[in-house]
Amino acid sequence: MVKVPNSTLTSLYSTVKGAFNDPALYSEGYANYSIEDETFALTKIVLFIMTGSAMMRSDTDESLKSFFQKGVSSDKTNRYHSVDEMIIAFKNLK
């Protein structure tokens, strides 16, 4: 879900839906929704595509683990701040 400023399509009081969304959205709500929330979900989708699982497994490659951990960090300042940043990181996976 993309938050578009001044859009009537997404309300600040929207219900969080979807298995790939940041659980912090339940407490934060959509008032502070940002690209880091988008890259969180996209990181989980990439992991699912690469491994067939939405959860990190112990046998996951270290470079993919690092990619995933950055994308879903509980500290939003440590997450990917754009899709372009994610693409660069993804291309550098070994």
PDB file of N, CA and C in Angstrom:
ATOM      1  N   MET A   1       0.845  -1.164   0.000  1.00  0.00           N
ATOM      2  CA  MET A   1       0.000   0.000   0.000  1.00  0.00           C
ATOM      3  C   MET A   1       0.894   1.231   0.000  1.00  0.00           C
ATOM      4  N   VAL A   2       0.650   2.114  -0.896  1.00  0.00           N
ATOM      5  CA  VAL A   2       1.420   3.341  -0.983  1.00  0.00           C
ATOM      6  C   VAL A   2       0.592   4.478  -0.419  1.00  0.00           C
ATOM      7  N   LYS A   3       1.204   5.270   0.437  1.00  0.00           N
ATOM      8  CA  LYS A   3       0.520   6.433   0.990  1.00  0.00           C
ATOM      9  C   LYS A   3       0.757   7.605   0.051  1.00  0.00           C
ATOM     10  N   VAL A   4      -0.300   8.122  -0.518  1.00  0.00           N
ATOM     11  CA  VAL A   4      -0.212   9.259  -1.421  1.00  0.00           C
ATOM     12  C   VAL A   4      -0.712  10.485  -0.661  1.00  0.00           C
ATOM     13  N   PRO A   5       0.147  11.504  -0.513  1.00  0.00           N
ATOM     14  CA  PRO A   5      -0.302  12.705   0.216  1.00  0.00           C
ATOM     15  C   PRO A   5      -1.588  13.269  -0.367  1.00  0.00           C
ATOM     16  N   ASN A   6      -2.480  13.674   0.503  1.00  0.00           N
ATOM     17  CA  ASN A   6      -3.760  14.295   0.149  1.00  0.00           C
ATOM     18  C   ASN A   6      -4.699  13.371  -0.625  1.00  0.00           C
ATOM     19  N   SER A   7      -4.431  12.073  -0.608  1.00  0.00           N
ATOM     20  CA  SER A   7      -5.305  11.125  -1.298  1.00  0.00           C
ATOM     21  C   SER A   7      -6.454  10.724  -0.385  1.00  0.00           C
ATOM     22  N   THR A   8      -7.609  10.496  -0.961  1.00  0.00           N
ATOM     23  CA  THR A   8      -8.747  10.008  -0.190  1.00  0.00           C
ATOM     24  C   THR A   8      -8.844   8.480  -0.245  1.00  0.00           C
ATOM     25  N   LEU A   9      -7.887   7.836  -0.941  1.00  0.00           N
ATOM     26  CA  LEU A   9      -7.935   6.383  -1.087  1.00  0.00           C
ATOM     27  C   LEU A   9      -7.461   5.660   0.165  1.00  0.00           C
ATOM     28  N   THR A  10      -6.572   6.284   0.939  1.00  0.00           N
ATOM     29  CA  THR A  10      -6.060   5.662   2.152  1.00  0.00           C
ATOM     30  C   THR A  10      -6.324   6.589   3.328  1.00  0.00           C
ATOM     31  N   SER A  11      -6.991   6.069   4.317  1.00  0.00           N
ATOM     32  CA  SER A  11      -7.297   6.834   5.506  1.00  0.00           C
ATOM     33  C   SER A  11      -6.227   6.612   6.565  1.00  0.00           C
ATOM     34  N   LEU A  12      -6.007   7.586   7.407  1.00  0.00           N
ATOM     35  CA  LEU A  12      -5.090   7.406   8.531  1.00  0.00           C
ATOM     36  C   LEU A  12      -5.583   6.303   9.452  1.00  0.00           C
ATOM     37  N   TYR A  13      -6.846   5.965   9.351  1.00  0.00           N
ATOM     38  CA  TYR A  13      -7.441   4.959  10.221  1.00  0.00           C
ATOM     39  C   TYR A  13      -7.680   3.643   9.507  1.00  0.00           C
ATOM     40  N   SER A  14      -7.000   3.432   8.392  1.00  0.00           N
ATOM     41  CA  SER A  14      -7.112   2.179   7.651  1.00  0.00           C
ATOM     42  C   SER A  14      -6.695   1.010   8.525  1.00  0.00           C
ATOM     43  N   THR A  15      -7.257  -0.143   8.239  1.00  0.00           N
ATOM     44  CA  THR A  15      -6.899  -1.355   8.963  1.00  0.00           C
ATOM     45  C   THR A  15      -5.678  -1.978   8.310  1.00  0.00           C
ATOM     46  N   VAL A  16      -4.732  -2.393   9.127  1.00  0.00           N
ATOM     47  CA  VAL A  16      -3.535  -3.056   8.617  1.00  0.00           C
ATOM     48  C   VAL A  16      -3.934  -4.445   8.153  1.00  0.00           C
ATOM     49  N   LYS A  17      -3.629  -4.779   6.905  1.00  0.00           N
ATOM     50  CA  LYS A  17      -3.946  -6.089   6.352  1.00  0.00           C
ATOM     51  C   LYS A  17      -2.736  -6.596   5.602  1.00  0.00           C
ATOM     52  N   GLY A  18      -2.568  -7.873   5.579  1.00  0.00           N
ATOM     53  CA  GLY A  18      -1.502  -8.456   4.789  1.00  0.00           C
ATOM     54  C   GLY A  18      -0.406  -9.056   5.647  1.00  0.00           C
ATOM     55  N   ALA A  19       0.034 -10.222   5.241  1.00  0.00           N
ATOM     56  CA  ALA A  19       1.031 -10.966   6.003  1.00  0.00           C
ATOM     57  C   ALA A  19       2.417 -10.359   5.921  1.00  0.00           C
ATOM     58  N   PHE A  20       2.663  -9.500   4.956  1.00  0.00           N
ATOM     59  CA  PHE A  20       4.010  -8.963   4.770  1.00  0.00           C
ATOM     60  C   PHE A  20       4.187  -7.569   5.365  1.00  0.00           C
ATOM     61  N   ASN A  21       3.143  -6.988   5.929  1.00  0.00           N
ATOM     62  CA  ASN A  21       3.238  -5.652   6.510  1.00  0.00           C
ATOM     63  C   ASN A  21       3.983  -5.654   7.833  1.00  0.00           C
ATOM     64  N   ASP A  22       4.557  -4.510   8.153  1.00  0.00           N
ATOM     65  CA  ASP A  22       5.269  -4.302   9.407  1.00  0.00           C
ATOM     66  C   ASP A  22       4.271  -4.369  10.563  1.00  0.00           C
ATOM     67  N   PRO A  23       4.471  -5.262  11.523  1.00  0.00           N
ATOM     68  CA  PRO A  23       3.557  -5.342  12.660  1.00  0.00           C
ATOM     69  C   PRO A  23       3.498  -4.051  13.469  1.00  0.00           C
ATOM     70  N   ALA A  24       4.521  -3.213  13.391  1.00  0.00           N
ATOM     71  CA  ALA A  24       4.518  -1.938  14.121  1.00  0.00           C
ATOM     72  C   ALA A  24       3.399  -1.022  13.643  1.00  0.00           C
ATOM     73  N   LEU A  25       2.888  -1.261  12.437  1.00  0.00           N
ATOM     74  CA  LEU A  25       1.793  -0.433  11.930  1.00  0.00           C
ATOM     75  C   LEU A  25       0.542  -0.540  12.796  1.00  0.00           C
ATOM     76  N   TYR A  26       0.394  -1.652  13.511  1.00  0.00           N
ATOM     77  CA  TYR A  26      -0.770  -1.805  14.390  1.00  0.00           C
ATOM     78  C   TYR A  26      -0.751  -0.752  15.485  1.00  0.00           C
ATOM     79  N   SER A  27       0.415  -0.425  16.000  1.00  0.00           N
ATOM     80  CA  SER A  27       0.496   0.582  17.058  1.00  0.00           C
ATOM     81  C   SER A  27       0.729   1.980  16.503  1.00  0.00           C
ATOM     82  N   GLU A  28       1.456   2.090  15.396  1.00  0.00           N
ATOM     83  CA  GLU A  28       1.767   3.395  14.816  1.00  0.00           C
ATOM     84  C   GLU A  28       0.627   3.964  13.990  1.00  0.00           C
ATOM     85  N   GLY A  29      -0.140   3.097  13.326  1.00  0.00           N
ATOM     86  CA  GLY A  29      -1.178   3.547  12.417  1.00  0.00           C
ATOM     87  C   GLY A  29      -0.579   4.105  11.140  1.00  0.00           C
ATOM     88  N   TYR A  30      -1.416   4.623  10.276  1.00  0.00           N
ATOM     89  CA  TYR A  30      -0.972   5.102   8.972  1.00  0.00           C
ATOM     90  C   TYR A  30      -0.555   6.569   8.971  1.00  0.00           C
ATOM     91  N   ALA A  31      -0.680   7.247  10.074  1.00  0.00           N
ATOM     92  CA  ALA A  31      -0.301   8.660  10.114  1.00  0.00           C
ATOM     93  C   ALA A  31       1.175   8.846   9.782  1.00  0.00           C
ATOM     94  N   ASN A  32       2.004   7.869  10.158  1.00  0.00           N
ATOM     95  CA  ASN A  32       3.445   7.960   9.914  1.00  0.00           C
ATOM     96  C   ASN A  32       3.919   6.963   8.865  1.00  0.00           C
ATOM     97  N   TYR A  33       3.011   6.464   8.040  1.00  0.00           N
ATOM     98  CA  TYR A  33       3.342   5.481   7.015  1.00  0.00           C
ATOM     99  C   TYR A  33       4.359   6.084   6.051  1.00  0.00           C
ATOM    100  N   SER A  34       5.380   5.306   5.709  1.00  0.00           N
ATOM    101  CA  SER A  34       6.459   5.850   4.874  1.00  0.00           C
ATOM    102  C   SER A  34       7.001   4.795   3.921  1.00  0.00           C
ATOM    103  N   ILE A  35       7.954   5.190   3.117  1.00  0.00           N
ATOM    104  CA  ILE A  35       8.594   4.271   2.184  1.00  0.00           C
ATOM    105  C   ILE A  35       9.251   3.119   2.936  1.00  0.00           C
ATOM    106  N   GLU A  36       9.710   3.351   4.147  1.00  0.00           N
ATOM    107  CA  GLU A  36      10.323   2.274   4.927  1.00  0.00           C
ATOM    108  C   GLU A  36       9.316   1.181   5.270  1.00  0.00           C
ATOM    109  N   ASP A  37       8.041   1.530   5.343  1.00  0.00           N
ATOM    110  CA  ASP A  37       7.002   0.511   5.536  1.00  0.00           C
ATOM    111  C   ASP A  37       6.810  -0.288   4.247  1.00  0.00           C
ATOM    112  N   GLU A  38       6.935   0.389   3.124  1.00  0.00           N
ATOM    113  CA  GLU A  38       6.848  -0.292   1.833  1.00  0.00           C
ATOM    114  C   GLU A  38       8.031  -1.237   1.631  1.00  0.00           C
ATOM    115  N   THR A  39       9.245  -0.757   1.941  1.00  0.00           N
ATOM    116  CA  THR A  39      10.422  -1.601   1.724  1.00  0.00           C
ATOM    117  C   THR A  39      10.448  -2.772   2.703  1.00  0.00           C
ATOM    118  N   PHE A  40       9.826  -2.616   3.887  1.00  0.00           N
ATOM    119  CA  PHE A  40       9.681  -3.732   4.820  1.00  0.00           C
ATOM    120  C   PHE A  40       8.910  -4.861   4.136  1.00  0.00           C
ATOM    121  N   ALA A  41       7.741  -4.528   3.596  1.00  0.00           N
ATOM    122  CA  ALA A  41       6.894  -5.537   2.945  1.00  0.00           C
ATOM    123  C   ALA A  41       7.583  -6.117   1.715  1.00  0.00           C
ATOM    124  N   LEU A  42       8.227  -5.273   0.941  1.00  0.00           N
ATOM    125  CA  LEU A  42       8.912  -5.743  -0.260  1.00  0.00           C
ATOM    126  C   LEU A  42      10.066  -6.676   0.100  1.00  0.00           C
ATOM    127  N   THR A  43      10.766  -6.386   1.176  1.00  0.00           N
ATOM    128  CA  THR A  43      11.843  -7.269   1.642  1.00  0.00           C
ATOM    129  C   THR A  43      11.293  -8.653   1.963  1.00  0.00           C
ATOM    130  N   LYS A  44      10.145  -8.699   2.641  1.00  0.00           N
ATOM    131  CA  LYS A  44       9.546  -9.991   2.981  1.00  0.00           C
ATOM    132  C   LYS A  44       9.084 -10.735   1.724  1.00  0.00           C
ATOM    133  N   ILE A  45       8.604 -10.008   0.739  1.00  0.00           N
ATOM    134  CA  ILE A  45       8.190 -10.639  -0.514  1.00  0.00           C
ATOM    135  C   ILE A  45       9.401 -11.213  -1.240  1.00  0.00           C
ATOM    136  N   VAL A  46      10.501 -10.460  -1.272  1.00  0.00           N
ATOM    137  CA  VAL A  46      11.732 -10.959  -1.897  1.00  0.00           C
ATOM    138  C   VAL A  46      12.193 -12.231  -1.203  1.00  0.00           C
ATOM    139  N   LEU A  47      12.182 -12.246   0.127  1.00  0.00           N
ATOM    140  CA  LEU A  47      12.582 -13.448   0.867  1.00  0.00           C
ATOM    141  C   LEU A  47      11.693 -14.623   0.486  1.00  0.00           C
ATOM    142  N   PHE A  48      10.385 -14.384   0.403  1.00  0.00           N
ATOM    143  CA  PHE A  48       9.456 -15.458   0.055  1.00  0.00           C
ATOM    144  C   PHE A  48       9.752 -15.999  -1.343  1.00  0.00           C
ATOM    145  N   ILE A  49      10.013 -15.104  -2.281  1.00  0.00           N
ATOM    146  CA  ILE A  49      10.317 -15.537  -3.647  1.00  0.00           C
ATOM    147  C   ILE A  49      11.621 -16.332  -3.684  1.00  0.00           C
ATOM    148  N   MET A  50      12.617 -15.873  -2.933  1.00  0.00           N
ATOM    149  CA  MET A  50      13.937 -16.514  -2.958  1.00  0.00           C
ATOM    150  C   MET A  50      13.982 -17.846  -2.210  1.00  0.00           C
ATOM    151  N   THR A  51      13.150 -17.991  -1.160  1.00  0.00           N
ATOM    152  CA  THR A  51      13.256 -19.182  -0.308  1.00  0.00           C
ATOM    153  C   THR A  51      11.978 -20.014  -0.242  1.00  0.00           C
ATOM    154  N   GLY A  52      10.849 -19.448  -0.649  1.00  0.00           N
ATOM    155  CA  GLY A  52       9.581 -20.151  -0.514  1.00  0.00           C
ATOM    156  C   GLY A  52       9.003 -20.048   0.882  1.00  0.00           C
ATOM    157  N   SER A  53       9.615 -19.215   1.720  1.00  0.00           N
ATOM    158  CA  SER A  53       9.155 -19.040   3.095  1.00  0.00           C
ATOM    159  C   SER A  53       9.143 -17.554   3.450  1.00  0.00           C
ATOM    160  N   ALA A  54       8.149 -17.144   4.206  1.00  0.00           N
ATOM    161  CA  ALA A  54       8.083 -15.754   4.659  1.00  0.00           C
ATOM    162  C   ALA A  54       8.915 -15.544   5.916  1.00  0.00           C
ATOM    163  N   MET A  55       9.446 -16.605   6.465  1.00  0.00           N
ATOM    164  CA  MET A  55      10.252 -16.537   7.688  1.00  0.00           C
ATOM    165  C   MET A  55      11.703 -16.881   7.355  1.00  0.00           C
ATOM    166  N   MET A  56      12.625 -16.245   8.059  1.00  0.00           N
ATOM    167  CA  MET A  56      14.041 -16.534   7.880  1.00  0.00           C
ATOM    168  C   MET A  56      14.327 -17.919   8.441  1.00  0.00           C
ATOM    169  N   ARG A  57      14.987 -18.746   7.640  1.00  0.00           N
ATOM    170  CA  ARG A  57      15.345 -20.093   8.085  1.00  0.00           C
ATOM    171  C   ARG A  57      16.818 -20.117   8.474  1.00  0.00           C
ATOM    172  N   SER A  58      17.191 -21.064   9.296  1.00  0.00           N
ATOM    173  CA  SER A  58      18.580 -21.146   9.758  1.00  0.00           C
ATOM    174  C   SER A  58      19.549 -21.480   8.627  1.00  0.00           C
ATOM    175  N   ASP A  59      19.069 -22.126   7.567  1.00  0.00           N
ATOM    176  CA  ASP A  59      19.955 -22.501   6.462  1.00  0.00           C
ATOM    177  C   ASP A  59      19.998 -21.458   5.338  1.00  0.00           C
ATOM    178  N   THR A  60      19.431 -20.264   5.600  1.00  0.00           N
ATOM    179  CA  THR A  60      19.423 -19.205   4.595  1.00  0.00           C
ATOM    180  C   THR A  60      20.823 -18.643   4.414  1.00  0.00           C
ATOM    181  N   ASP A  61      21.202 -18.392   3.177  1.00  0.00           N
ATOM    182  CA  ASP A  61      22.492 -17.813   2.828  1.00  0.00           C
ATOM    183  C   ASP A  61      22.733 -16.530   3.625  1.00  0.00           C
ATOM    184  N   GLU A  62      23.978 -16.313   4.070  1.00  0.00           N
ATOM    185  CA  GLU A  62      24.318 -15.158   4.908  1.00  0.00           C
ATOM    186  C   GLU A  62      24.056 -13.824   4.217  1.00  0.00           C
ATOM    187  N   SER A  63      24.329 -13.725   2.923  1.00  0.00           N
ATOM    188  CA  SER A  63      24.098 -12.446   2.243  1.00  0.00           C
ATOM    189  C   SER A  63      22.601 -12.142   2.147  1.00  0.00           C
ATOM    190  N   LEU A  64      21.784 -13.176   1.951  1.00  0.00           N
ATOM    191  CA  LEU A  64      20.337 -12.969   1.945  1.00  0.00           C
ATOM    192  C   LEU A  64      19.838 -12.620   3.343  1.00  0.00           C
ATOM    193  N   LYS A  65      20.412 -13.244   4.363  1.00  0.00           N
ATOM    194  CA  LYS A  65      20.054 -12.894   5.746  1.00  0.00           C
ATOM    195  C   LYS A  65      20.322 -11.420   6.013  1.00  0.00           C
ATOM    196  N   SER A  66      21.486 -10.954   5.587  1.00  0.00           N
ATOM    197  CA  SER A  66      21.865  -9.557   5.795  1.00  0.00           C
ATOM    198  C   SER A  66      20.905  -8.619   5.069  1.00  0.00           C
ATOM    199  N   PHE A  67      20.575  -8.958   3.825  1.00  0.00           N
ATOM    200  CA  PHE A  67      19.605  -8.190   3.036  1.00  0.00           C
ATOM    201  C   PHE A  67      18.272  -8.116   3.782  1.00  0.00           C
ATOM    202  N   PHE A  68      17.816  -9.263   4.262  1.00  0.00           N
ATOM    203  CA  PHE A  68      16.532  -9.353   4.957  1.00  0.00           C
ATOM    204  C   PHE A  68      16.553  -8.562   6.262  1.00  0.00           C
ATOM    205  N   GLN A  69      17.589  -8.734   7.058  1.00  0.00           N
ATOM    206  CA  GLN A  69      17.651  -8.066   8.359  1.00  0.00           C
ATOM    207  C   GLN A  69      17.629  -6.555   8.229  1.00  0.00           C
ATOM    208  N   LYS A  70      18.296  -6.039   7.206  1.00  0.00           N
ATOM    209  CA  LYS A  70      18.257  -4.589   6.974  1.00  0.00           C
ATOM    210  C   LYS A  70      16.844  -4.155   6.594  1.00  0.00           C
ATOM    211  N   GLY A  71      16.203  -4.895   5.742  1.00  0.00           N
ATOM    212  CA  GLY A  71      14.878  -4.519   5.250  1.00  0.00           C
ATOM    213  C   GLY A  71      13.779  -4.569   6.288  1.00  0.00           C
ATOM    214  N   VAL A  72      13.930  -5.417   7.296  1.00  0.00           N
ATOM    215  CA  VAL A  72      12.883  -5.555   8.307  1.00  0.00           C
ATOM    216  C   VAL A  72      13.331  -5.082   9.687  1.00  0.00           C
ATOM    217  N   SER A  73      14.393  -4.307   9.736  1.00  0.00           N
ATOM    218  CA  SER A  73      14.899  -3.806  11.004  1.00  0.00           C
ATOM    219  C   SER A  73      13.790  -3.104  11.790  1.00  0.00           C
ATOM    220  N   SER A  74      13.753  -3.313  13.089  1.00  0.00           N
ATOM    221  CA  SER A  74      12.747  -2.631  13.912  1.00  0.00           C
ATOM    222  C   SER A  74      13.014  -1.130  13.981  1.00  0.00           C
ATOM    223  N   ASP A  75      14.249  -0.732  13.714  1.00  0.00           N
ATOM    224  CA  ASP A  75      14.611   0.684  13.647  1.00  0.00           C
ATOM    225  C   ASP A  75      14.480   1.127  12.187  1.00  0.00           C
ATOM    226  N   LYS A  76      13.462   1.899  11.892  1.00  0.00           N
ATOM    227  CA  LYS A  76      13.177   2.289  10.505  1.00  0.00           C
ATOM    228  C   LYS A  76      14.315   3.075   9.867  1.00  0.00           C
ATOM    229  N   THR A  77      15.149   3.717  10.671  1.00  0.00           N
ATOM    230  CA  THR A  77      16.272   4.463  10.094  1.00  0.00           C
ATOM    231  C   THR A  77      17.328   3.530   9.520  1.00  0.00           C
ATOM    232  N   ASN A  78      17.305   2.250   9.910  1.00  0.00           N
ATOM    233  CA  ASN A  78      18.255   1.262   9.390  1.00  0.00           C
ATOM    234  C   ASN A  78      17.735   0.534   8.156  1.00  0.00           C
ATOM    235  N   ARG A  79      16.486   0.729   7.806  1.00  0.00           N
ATOM    236  CA  ARG A  79      15.878   0.026   6.665  1.00  0.00           C
ATOM    237  C   ARG A  79      16.286   0.652   5.340  1.00  0.00           C
ATOM    238  N   TYR A  80      15.893  -0.016   4.256  1.00  0.00           N
ATOM    239  CA  TYR A  80      16.064   0.554   2.927  1.00  0.00           C
ATOM    240  C   TYR A  80      15.155   1.775   2.814  1.00  0.00           C
ATOM    241  N   HIS A  81      15.690   2.853   2.250  1.00  0.00           N
ATOM    242  CA  HIS A  81      14.939   4.102   2.160  1.00  0.00           C
ATOM    243  C   HIS A  81      14.373   4.347   0.763  1.00  0.00           C
ATOM    244  N   SER A  82      14.591   3.382  -0.129  1.00  0.00           N
ATOM    245  CA  SER A  82      14.013   3.472  -1.471  1.00  0.00           C
ATOM    246  C   SER A  82      14.097   2.101  -2.124  1.00  0.00           C
ATOM    247  N   VAL A  83      13.306   1.916  -3.150  1.00  0.00           N
ATOM    248  CA  VAL A  83      13.361   0.670  -3.919  1.00  0.00           C
ATOM    249  C   VAL A  83      14.688   0.604  -4.670  1.00  0.00           C
ATOM    250  N   ASP A  84      15.177   1.753  -5.130  1.00  0.00           N
ATOM    251  CA  ASP A  84      16.474   1.770  -5.814  1.00  0.00           C
ATOM    252  C   ASP A  84      17.582   1.252  -4.900  1.00  0.00           C
ATOM    253  N   GLU A  85      17.556   1.653  -3.634  1.00  0.00           N
ATOM    254  CA  GLU A  85      18.539   1.151  -2.669  1.00  0.00           C
ATOM    255  C   GLU A  85      18.419  -0.362  -2.513  1.00  0.00           C
ATOM    256  N   MET A  86      17.191  -0.869  -2.497  1.00  0.00           N
ATOM    257  CA  MET A  86      16.972  -2.311  -2.397  1.00  0.00           C
ATOM    258  C   MET A  86      17.516  -3.041  -3.622  1.00  0.00           C
ATOM    259  N   ILE A  87      17.293  -2.473  -4.789  1.00  0.00           N
ATOM    260  CA  ILE A  87      17.760  -3.096  -6.032  1.00  0.00           C
ATOM    261  C   ILE A  87      19.280  -3.228  -6.006  1.00  0.00           C
ATOM    262  N   ILE A  88      19.956  -2.177  -5.588  1.00  0.00           N
ATOM    263  CA  ILE A  88      21.423  -2.227  -5.512  1.00  0.00           C
ATOM    264  C   ILE A  88      21.859  -3.319  -4.536  1.00  0.00           C
ATOM    265  N   ALA A  89      21.231  -3.365  -3.378  1.00  0.00           N
ATOM    266  CA  ALA A  89      21.580  -4.387  -2.378  1.00  0.00           C
ATOM    267  C   ALA A  89      21.288  -5.785  -2.907  1.00  0.00           C
ATOM    268  N   PHE A  90      20.168  -5.945  -3.603  1.00  0.00           N
ATOM    269  CA  PHE A  90      19.797  -7.244  -4.152  1.00  0.00           C
ATOM    270  C   PHE A  90      20.804  -7.698  -5.208  1.00  0.00           C
ATOM    271  N   LYS A  91      21.222  -6.779  -6.044  1.00  0.00           N
ATOM    272  CA  LYS A  91      22.206  -7.122  -7.089  1.00  0.00           C
ATOM    273  C   LYS A  91      23.545  -7.546  -6.493  1.00  0.00           C
ATOM    274  N   ASN A  92      23.817  -7.106  -5.269  1.00  0.00           N
ATOM    275  CA  ASN A  92      25.075  -7.454  -4.611  1.00  0.00           C
ATOM    276  C   ASN A  92      25.001  -8.755  -3.803  1.00  0.00           C
ATOM    277  N   LEU A  93      23.836  -9.405  -3.809  1.00  0.00           N
ATOM    278  CA  LEU A  93      23.726 -10.706  -3.114  1.00  0.00           C
ATOM    279  C   LEU A  93      24.639 -11.717  -3.793  1.00  0.00           C
ATOM    280  N   LYS A  94      25.231 -12.574  -2.989  1.00  0.00           N
ATOM    281  CA  LYS A  94      26.146 -13.590  -3.552  1.00  0.00           C
ATOM    282  C   LYS A  94      25.489 -14.928  -3.600  1.00  0.00           C
TER     283      LYS A  94
END
